[in-house]
Amino acid sequence: MDKEKILDLFKSTGALQHGHFRLTSGLHSSEYFQCAKVLQYPQYNELLCGEIFRHFHDWRIELVVAPAIGGIMVGQEVARQLRVRGVFAEREDKTMSLRRGFEVKQGERVLVCEDVVTTGGSVLEVVELVKARGGVVAGVASIVDRSREPINFGAEFFSLMKMEVPVYQPDSCPLCSENVPIVKPGSRKVDPSTK
């Protein structure tokens, strides 16, 4: 799929949002990708995750692990297409962990899947969790890569679309200066001391 077709899907489903957003990282932005708005349609989830499947289908992936909450729909659909187990990591006492009886087997080849990567923090936590459990991180994938600098996950990183979107430090955010109301749309809480 080309970038324009993906953008059209995001726009038509309301997944590409404009306004004033506080990201999980604490940074501010005028654009936000709410991937769940497009992934709620099974046909679009299958289509987008099919691109990840095609990239990794011959990598001998044995397990897909995704960070909750954003990565769950991506991880499950990629696992379905690869015909392997799909699990998710979630926060417990602010630390990413495997719960619900989920496990990574020793030497298991793992693909880590996320919906949107901005700083890569959650993905890096999952990568370290997989390694600590004896798994081998074969690759990392996301629908959207909005990172400003390349992120070293210690494995190949594949995304369907690279997007350059403006982000601001809270103390130098032009939207704050204009008193534009701010929204925290993600699933993870941010430090309340940030604007």
C-alpha atoms as a PDB file:
ATOM      1  CA  MET A   1       0.000   0.000   0.000  1.00  0.00           C
ATOM      2  CA  ASP A   2       1.266   3.469  -0.735  1.00  0.00           C
ATOM      3  CA  LYS A   3       1.266   6.273   1.803  1.00  0.00           C
ATOM      4  CA  GLU A   4      -1.607   8.131   0.137  1.00  0.00           C
ATOM      5  CA  LYS A   5      -3.942   5.121   0.346  1.00  0.00           C
ATOM      6  CA  ILE A   6      -3.086   4.656   4.030  1.00  0.00           C
ATOM      7  CA  LEU A   7      -3.647   8.378   4.690  1.00  0.00           C
ATOM      8  CA  ASP A   8      -7.001   8.186   2.905  1.00  0.00           C
ATOM      9  CA  LEU A   9      -8.033   5.323   5.211  1.00  0.00           C
ATOM     10  CA  PHE A  10      -6.951   7.341   8.264  1.00  0.00           C
ATOM     11  CA  LYS A  11      -8.837  10.430   7.092  1.00  0.00           C
ATOM     12  CA  SER A  12     -12.031   8.610   6.065  1.00  0.00           C
ATOM     13  CA  THR A  13     -12.293   6.847   9.447  1.00  0.00           C
ATOM     14  CA  GLY A  14     -11.354   9.884  11.564  1.00  0.00           C
ATOM     15  CA  ALA A  15      -8.141   8.239  12.718  1.00  0.00           C
ATOM     16  CA  LEU A  16      -5.995  11.240  11.730  1.00  0.00           C
ATOM     17  CA  GLN A  17      -7.009  13.956  14.155  1.00  0.00           C
ATOM     18  CA  HIS A  18      -6.097  17.638  14.317  1.00  0.00           C
ATOM     19  CA  GLY A  19      -6.083  19.787  17.455  1.00  0.00           C
ATOM     20  CA  HIS A  20      -3.855  20.104  20.532  1.00  0.00           C
ATOM     21  CA  PHE A  21      -2.755  16.804  22.026  1.00  0.00           C
ATOM     22  CA  ARG A  22      -0.599  15.748  24.957  1.00  0.00           C
ATOM     23  CA  LEU A  23       1.204  12.577  23.916  1.00  0.00           C
ATOM     24  CA  THR A  24       2.187   9.716  26.207  1.00  0.00           C
ATOM     25  CA  SER A  25       5.764  11.011  26.025  1.00  0.00           C
ATOM     26  CA  GLY A  26       4.580  14.311  27.578  1.00  0.00           C
ATOM     27  CA  LEU A  27       5.250  16.176  24.327  1.00  0.00           C
ATOM     28  CA  HIS A  28       2.511  18.194  22.624  1.00  0.00           C
ATOM     29  CA  SER A  29       1.372  17.908  19.007  1.00  0.00           C
ATOM     30  CA  SER A  30      -1.168  19.378  16.600  1.00  0.00           C
ATOM     31  CA  GLU A  31      -1.842  15.950  15.052  1.00  0.00           C
ATOM     32  CA  TYR A  32      -2.698  12.585  16.566  1.00  0.00           C
ATOM     33  CA  PHE A  33      -3.090   9.139  15.045  1.00  0.00           C
ATOM     34  CA  GLN A  34      -5.890   7.255  16.779  1.00  0.00           C
ATOM     35  CA  CYS A  35      -5.249   3.961  15.012  1.00  0.00           C
ATOM     36  CA  ALA A  36      -8.143   2.277  16.823  1.00  0.00           C
ATOM     37  CA  LYS A  37     -10.515   4.389  14.680  1.00  0.00           C
ATOM     38  CA  VAL A  38      -9.295   2.650  11.520  1.00  0.00           C
ATOM     39  CA  LEU A  39      -8.527  -0.747  13.087  1.00  0.00           C
ATOM     40  CA  GLN A  40     -12.100  -1.053  14.399  1.00  0.00           C
ATOM     41  CA  TYR A  41     -13.029  -2.045  10.847  1.00  0.00           C
ATOM     42  CA  PRO A  42     -11.885  -5.670  10.424  1.00  0.00           C
ATOM     43  CA  GLN A  43     -11.352  -5.251   6.684  1.00  0.00           C
ATOM     44  CA  TYR A  44      -8.974  -2.305   7.234  1.00  0.00           C
ATOM     45  CA  ASN A  45      -7.172  -4.056  10.085  1.00  0.00           C
ATOM     46  CA  GLU A  46      -6.695  -7.091   7.846  1.00  0.00           C
ATOM     47  CA  LEU A  47      -5.510  -4.898   4.963  1.00  0.00           C
ATOM     48  CA  LEU A  48      -2.991  -2.866   7.000  1.00  0.00           C
ATOM     49  CA  CYS A  49      -1.681  -5.804   9.013  1.00  0.00           C
ATOM     50  CA  GLY A  50      -1.413  -7.759   5.774  1.00  0.00           C
ATOM     51  CA  GLU A  51       1.462  -5.449   4.839  1.00  0.00           C
ATOM     52  CA  ILE A  52       3.274  -6.423   8.050  1.00  0.00           C
ATOM     53  CA  PHE A  53       2.494 -10.090   7.359  1.00  0.00           C
ATOM     54  CA  ARG A  54       3.940  -9.845   3.837  1.00  0.00           C
ATOM     55  CA  HIS A  55       7.137  -8.283   5.169  1.00  0.00           C
ATOM     56  CA  PHE A  56       7.704 -10.904   7.890  1.00  0.00           C
ATOM     57  CA  HIS A  57       5.948 -14.023   6.517  1.00  0.00           C
ATOM     58  CA  ASP A  58       9.195 -15.917   5.845  1.00  0.00           C
ATOM     59  CA  TRP A  59      11.067 -14.817   8.989  1.00  0.00           C
ATOM     60  CA  ARG A  60      10.066 -17.942  10.961  1.00  0.00           C
ATOM     61  CA  ILE A  61       8.144 -15.877  13.521  1.00  0.00           C
ATOM     62  CA  GLU A  62       6.739 -18.068  16.317  1.00  0.00           C
ATOM     63  CA  LEU A  63       5.080 -15.470  18.540  1.00  0.00           C
ATOM     64  CA  VAL A  64       3.735 -11.923  18.232  1.00  0.00           C
ATOM     65  CA  VAL A  65       3.867  -9.685  21.313  1.00  0.00           C
ATOM     66  CA  ALA A  66       2.224  -6.262  21.456  1.00  0.00           C
ATOM     67  CA  PRO A  67       2.138  -3.563  24.119  1.00  0.00           C
ATOM     68  CA  ALA A  68      -1.337  -2.884  25.516  1.00  0.00           C
ATOM     69  CA  ILE A  69      -3.501  -1.149  24.662  1.00  0.00           C
ATOM     70  CA  GLY A  70      -2.703   0.351  21.271  1.00  0.00           C
ATOM     71  CA  GLY A  71      -0.785  -2.579  19.861  1.00  0.00           C
ATOM     72  CA  ILE A  72      -3.268  -5.324  20.765  1.00  0.00           C
ATOM     73  CA  MET A  73      -5.408  -5.131  17.611  1.00  0.00           C
ATOM     74  CA  VAL A  74      -2.334  -4.972  15.371  1.00  0.00           C
ATOM     75  CA  GLY A  75      -0.559  -7.805  17.167  1.00  0.00           C
ATOM     76  CA  GLN A  76      -3.579 -10.112  17.148  1.00  0.00           C
ATOM     77  CA  GLU A  77      -4.276  -9.610  13.437  1.00  0.00           C
ATOM     78  CA  VAL A  78      -0.618 -10.062  12.457  1.00  0.00           C
ATOM     79  CA  ALA A  79      -0.476 -13.237  14.594  1.00  0.00           C
ATOM     80  CA  ARG A  80      -3.663 -14.498  12.899  1.00  0.00           C
ATOM     81  CA  GLN A  81      -2.192 -13.965   9.445  1.00  0.00           C
ATOM     82  CA  LEU A  82       1.128 -15.554  10.447  1.00  0.00           C
ATOM     83  CA  ARG A  83      -0.820 -18.404  12.139  1.00  0.00           C
ATOM     84  CA  VAL A  84       1.161 -18.093  15.379  1.00  0.00           C
ATOM     85  CA  ARG A  85       0.322 -17.221  18.986  1.00  0.00           C
ATOM     86  CA  GLY A  86      -0.373 -13.579  19.741  1.00  0.00           C
ATOM     87  CA  VAL A  87      -0.086 -12.135  23.256  1.00  0.00           C
ATOM     88  CA  PHE A  88       0.148  -8.691  24.794  1.00  0.00           C
ATOM     89  CA  ALA A  89       2.202  -7.080  27.521  1.00  0.00           C
ATOM     90  CA  GLU A  90       0.549  -4.691  29.948  1.00  0.00           C
ATOM     91  CA  ARG A  91       1.605  -2.350  32.700  1.00  0.00           C
ATOM     92  CA  GLU A  92       1.700  -3.625  36.245  1.00  0.00           C
ATOM     93  CA  ASP A  93       3.069  -1.139  38.782  1.00  0.00           C
ATOM     94  CA  LYS A  94       4.319   1.027  35.860  1.00  0.00           C
ATOM     95  CA  THR A  95       6.346  -1.860  34.413  1.00  0.00           C
ATOM     96  CA  MET A  96       5.545  -3.798  31.242  1.00  0.00           C
ATOM     97  CA  SER A  97       4.811  -7.410  32.116  1.00  0.00           C
ATOM     98  CA  LEU A  98       3.223 -10.569  30.775  1.00  0.00           C
ATOM     99  CA  ARG A  99       0.122 -11.519  32.732  1.00  0.00           C
ATOM    100  CA  ARG A 100      -2.887 -13.800  32.169  1.00  0.00           C
ATOM    101  CA  GLY A 101      -0.642 -16.852  31.846  1.00  0.00           C
ATOM    102  CA  PHE A 102       1.079 -15.468  28.723  1.00  0.00           C
ATOM    103  CA  GLU A 103       4.628 -16.647  28.213  1.00  0.00           C
ATOM    104  CA  VAL A 104       7.614 -16.414  25.910  1.00  0.00           C
ATOM    105  CA  LYS A 105       9.354 -19.736  25.394  1.00  0.00           C
ATOM    106  CA  GLN A 106      13.128 -20.025  25.479  1.00  0.00           C
ATOM    107  CA  GLY A 107      14.566 -19.238  22.035  1.00  0.00           C
ATOM    108  CA  GLU A 108      11.157 -18.378  20.546  1.00  0.00           C
ATOM    109  CA  ARG A 109      11.383 -15.990  17.562  1.00  0.00           C
ATOM    110  CA  VAL A 110       9.229 -12.958  18.363  1.00  0.00           C
ATOM    111  CA  LEU A 111       7.769 -10.112  16.335  1.00  0.00           C
ATOM    112  CA  VAL A 112       6.856  -7.062  18.428  1.00  0.00           C
ATOM    113  CA  CYS A 113       3.894  -5.124  16.954  1.00  0.00           C
ATOM    114  CA  GLU A 114       2.618  -1.636  17.781  1.00  0.00           C
ATOM    115  CA  ASP A 115       0.077   0.702  16.210  1.00  0.00           C
ATOM    116  CA  VAL A 116       2.016   3.998  16.382  1.00  0.00           C
ATOM    117  CA  VAL A 117       5.652   4.540  17.360  1.00  0.00           C
ATOM    118  CA  THR A 118       6.583   8.035  18.561  1.00  0.00           C
ATOM    119  CA  THR A 119       9.454   7.698  21.033  1.00  0.00           C
ATOM    120  CA  GLY A 120       9.520   3.893  20.974  1.00  0.00           C
ATOM    121  CA  GLY A 121       9.381   3.697  24.768  1.00  0.00           C
ATOM    122  CA  SER A 122       6.668   1.036  25.068  1.00  0.00           C
ATOM    123  CA  VAL A 123       8.168  -1.058  22.269  1.00  0.00           C
ATOM    124  CA  LEU A 124      11.627  -0.919  23.864  1.00  0.00           C
ATOM    125  CA  GLU A 125      10.104  -2.103  27.142  1.00  0.00           C
ATOM    126  CA  VAL A 126       8.450  -5.043  25.368  1.00  0.00           C
ATOM    127  CA  VAL A 127      11.700  -5.876  23.545  1.00  0.00           C
ATOM    128  CA  GLU A 128      13.540  -6.010  26.893  1.00  0.00           C
ATOM    129  CA  LEU A 129      10.733  -8.081  28.429  1.00  0.00           C
ATOM    130  CA  VAL A 130      10.907 -10.617  25.579  1.00  0.00           C
ATOM    131  CA  LYS A 131      14.690 -10.897  25.923  1.00  0.00           C
ATOM    132  CA  ALA A 132      14.446 -11.278  29.701  1.00  0.00           C
ATOM    133  CA  ARG A 133      12.053 -14.212  29.155  1.00  0.00           C
ATOM    134  CA  GLY A 134      14.522 -15.918  26.786  1.00  0.00           C
ATOM    135  CA  GLY A 135      12.881 -14.920  23.503  1.00  0.00           C
ATOM    136  CA  VAL A 136      14.662 -13.697  20.379  1.00  0.00           C
ATOM    137  CA  VAL A 137      13.306 -10.435  18.965  1.00  0.00           C
ATOM    138  CA  ALA A 138      13.346 -11.095  15.223  1.00  0.00           C
ATOM    139  CA  GLY A 139      11.672  -7.808  14.265  1.00  0.00           C
ATOM    140  CA  VAL A 140       9.526  -4.845  15.244  1.00  0.00           C
ATOM    141  CA  ALA A 141       6.581  -3.523  13.216  1.00  0.00           C
ATOM    142  CA  SER A 142       4.093  -0.672  13.397  1.00  0.00           C
ATOM    143  CA  ILE A 143       1.395   0.857  11.258  1.00  0.00           C
ATOM    144  CA  VAL A 144       2.720   4.415  11.714  1.00  0.00           C
ATOM    145  CA  ASP A 145       6.233   5.604  12.561  1.00  0.00           C
ATOM    146  CA  ARG A 146       6.120   9.182  13.768  1.00  0.00           C
ATOM    147  CA  SER A 147       9.529   9.127  15.478  1.00  0.00           C
ATOM    148  CA  ARG A 148      11.737  12.132  14.852  1.00  0.00           C
ATOM    149  CA  GLU A 149      15.032  10.249  15.171  1.00  0.00           C
ATOM    150  CA  PRO A 150      15.808   6.649  14.205  1.00  0.00           C
ATOM    151  CA  ILE A 151      15.174   4.253  17.105  1.00  0.00           C
ATOM    152  CA  ASN A 152      17.422   1.261  17.673  1.00  0.00           C
ATOM    153  CA  PHE A 153      15.219  -1.633  18.755  1.00  0.00           C
ATOM    154  CA  GLY A 154      18.047  -4.139  18.273  1.00  0.00           C
ATOM    155  CA  ALA A 155      16.094  -5.723  15.390  1.00  0.00           C
ATOM    156  CA  GLU A 156      14.748  -4.632  12.029  1.00  0.00           C
ATOM    157  CA  PHE A 157      11.984  -2.044  12.321  1.00  0.00           C
ATOM    158  CA  PHE A 158       9.291  -2.034   9.632  1.00  0.00           C
ATOM    159  CA  SER A 159       6.419   0.442   9.424  1.00  0.00           C
ATOM    160  CA  LEU A 160       3.781   0.991   6.787  1.00  0.00           C
ATOM    161  CA  MET A 161       4.041   4.750   6.896  1.00  0.00           C
ATOM    162  CA  LYS A 162       6.579   7.287   8.142  1.00  0.00           C
ATOM    163  CA  MET A 163       4.913  10.539   9.182  1.00  0.00           C
ATOM    164  CA  GLU A 164       6.640  13.753  10.156  1.00  0.00           C
ATOM    165  CA  VAL A 165       4.285  15.532  12.516  1.00  0.00           C
ATOM    166  CA  PRO A 166       5.105  18.542  14.661  1.00  0.00           C
ATOM    167  CA  VAL A 167       5.819  17.905  18.335  1.00  0.00           C
ATOM    168  CA  TYR A 168       6.627  20.484  20.978  1.00  0.00           C
ATOM    169  CA  GLN A 169       8.067  20.603  24.444  1.00  0.00           C
ATOM    170  CA  PRO A 170       5.285  21.711  26.822  1.00  0.00           C
ATOM    171  CA  ASP A 171       7.137  24.906  27.781  1.00  0.00           C
ATOM    172  CA  SER A 172       7.570  25.999  24.142  1.00  0.00           C
ATOM    173  CA  CYS A 173       4.305  24.792  22.611  1.00  0.00           C
ATOM    174  CA  PRO A 174       2.706  27.404  20.328  1.00  0.00           C
ATOM    175  CA  LEU A 175      -0.719  25.841  20.869  1.00  0.00           C
ATOM    176  CA  CYS A 176      -0.378  26.391  24.627  1.00  0.00           C
ATOM    177  CA  SER A 177       0.620  30.015  23.934  1.00  0.00           C
ATOM    178  CA  GLU A 178      -2.591  30.409  21.915  1.00  0.00           C
ATOM    179  CA  ASN A 179      -4.611  28.822  24.772  1.00  0.00           C
ATOM    180  CA  VAL A 180      -5.874  26.021  22.513  1.00  0.00           C
ATOM    181  CA  PRO A 181      -7.501  23.415  24.831  1.00  0.00           C
ATOM    182  CA  ILE A 182      -5.362  20.303  25.218  1.00  0.00           C
ATOM    183  CA  VAL A 183      -6.542  16.680  25.039  1.00  0.00           C
ATOM    184  CA  LYS A 184      -4.784  13.513  26.261  1.00  0.00           C
ATOM    185  CA  PRO A 185      -6.195  10.910  23.840  1.00  0.00           C
ATOM    186  CA  GLY A 186      -3.967   7.883  24.485  1.00  0.00           C
ATOM    187  CA  SER A 187      -4.532   5.000  26.878  1.00  0.00           C
ATOM    188  CA  ARG A 188      -1.535   5.676  29.106  1.00  0.00           C
ATOM    189  CA  LYS A 189      -1.484   8.321  31.815  1.00  0.00           C
ATOM    190  CA  VAL A 190       1.212  10.991  31.742  1.00  0.00           C
ATOM    191  CA  ASP A 191       2.984  12.692  34.584  1.00  0.00           C
ATOM    192  CA  PRO A 192       0.521  15.277  35.952  1.00  0.00           C
ATOM    193  CA  SER A 193       3.370  17.762  36.446  1.00  0.00           C
ATOM    194  CA  THR A 194       3.556  18.221  32.641  1.00  0.00           C
ATOM    195  CA  LYS A 195       1.293  20.848  31.081  1.00  0.00           C
END
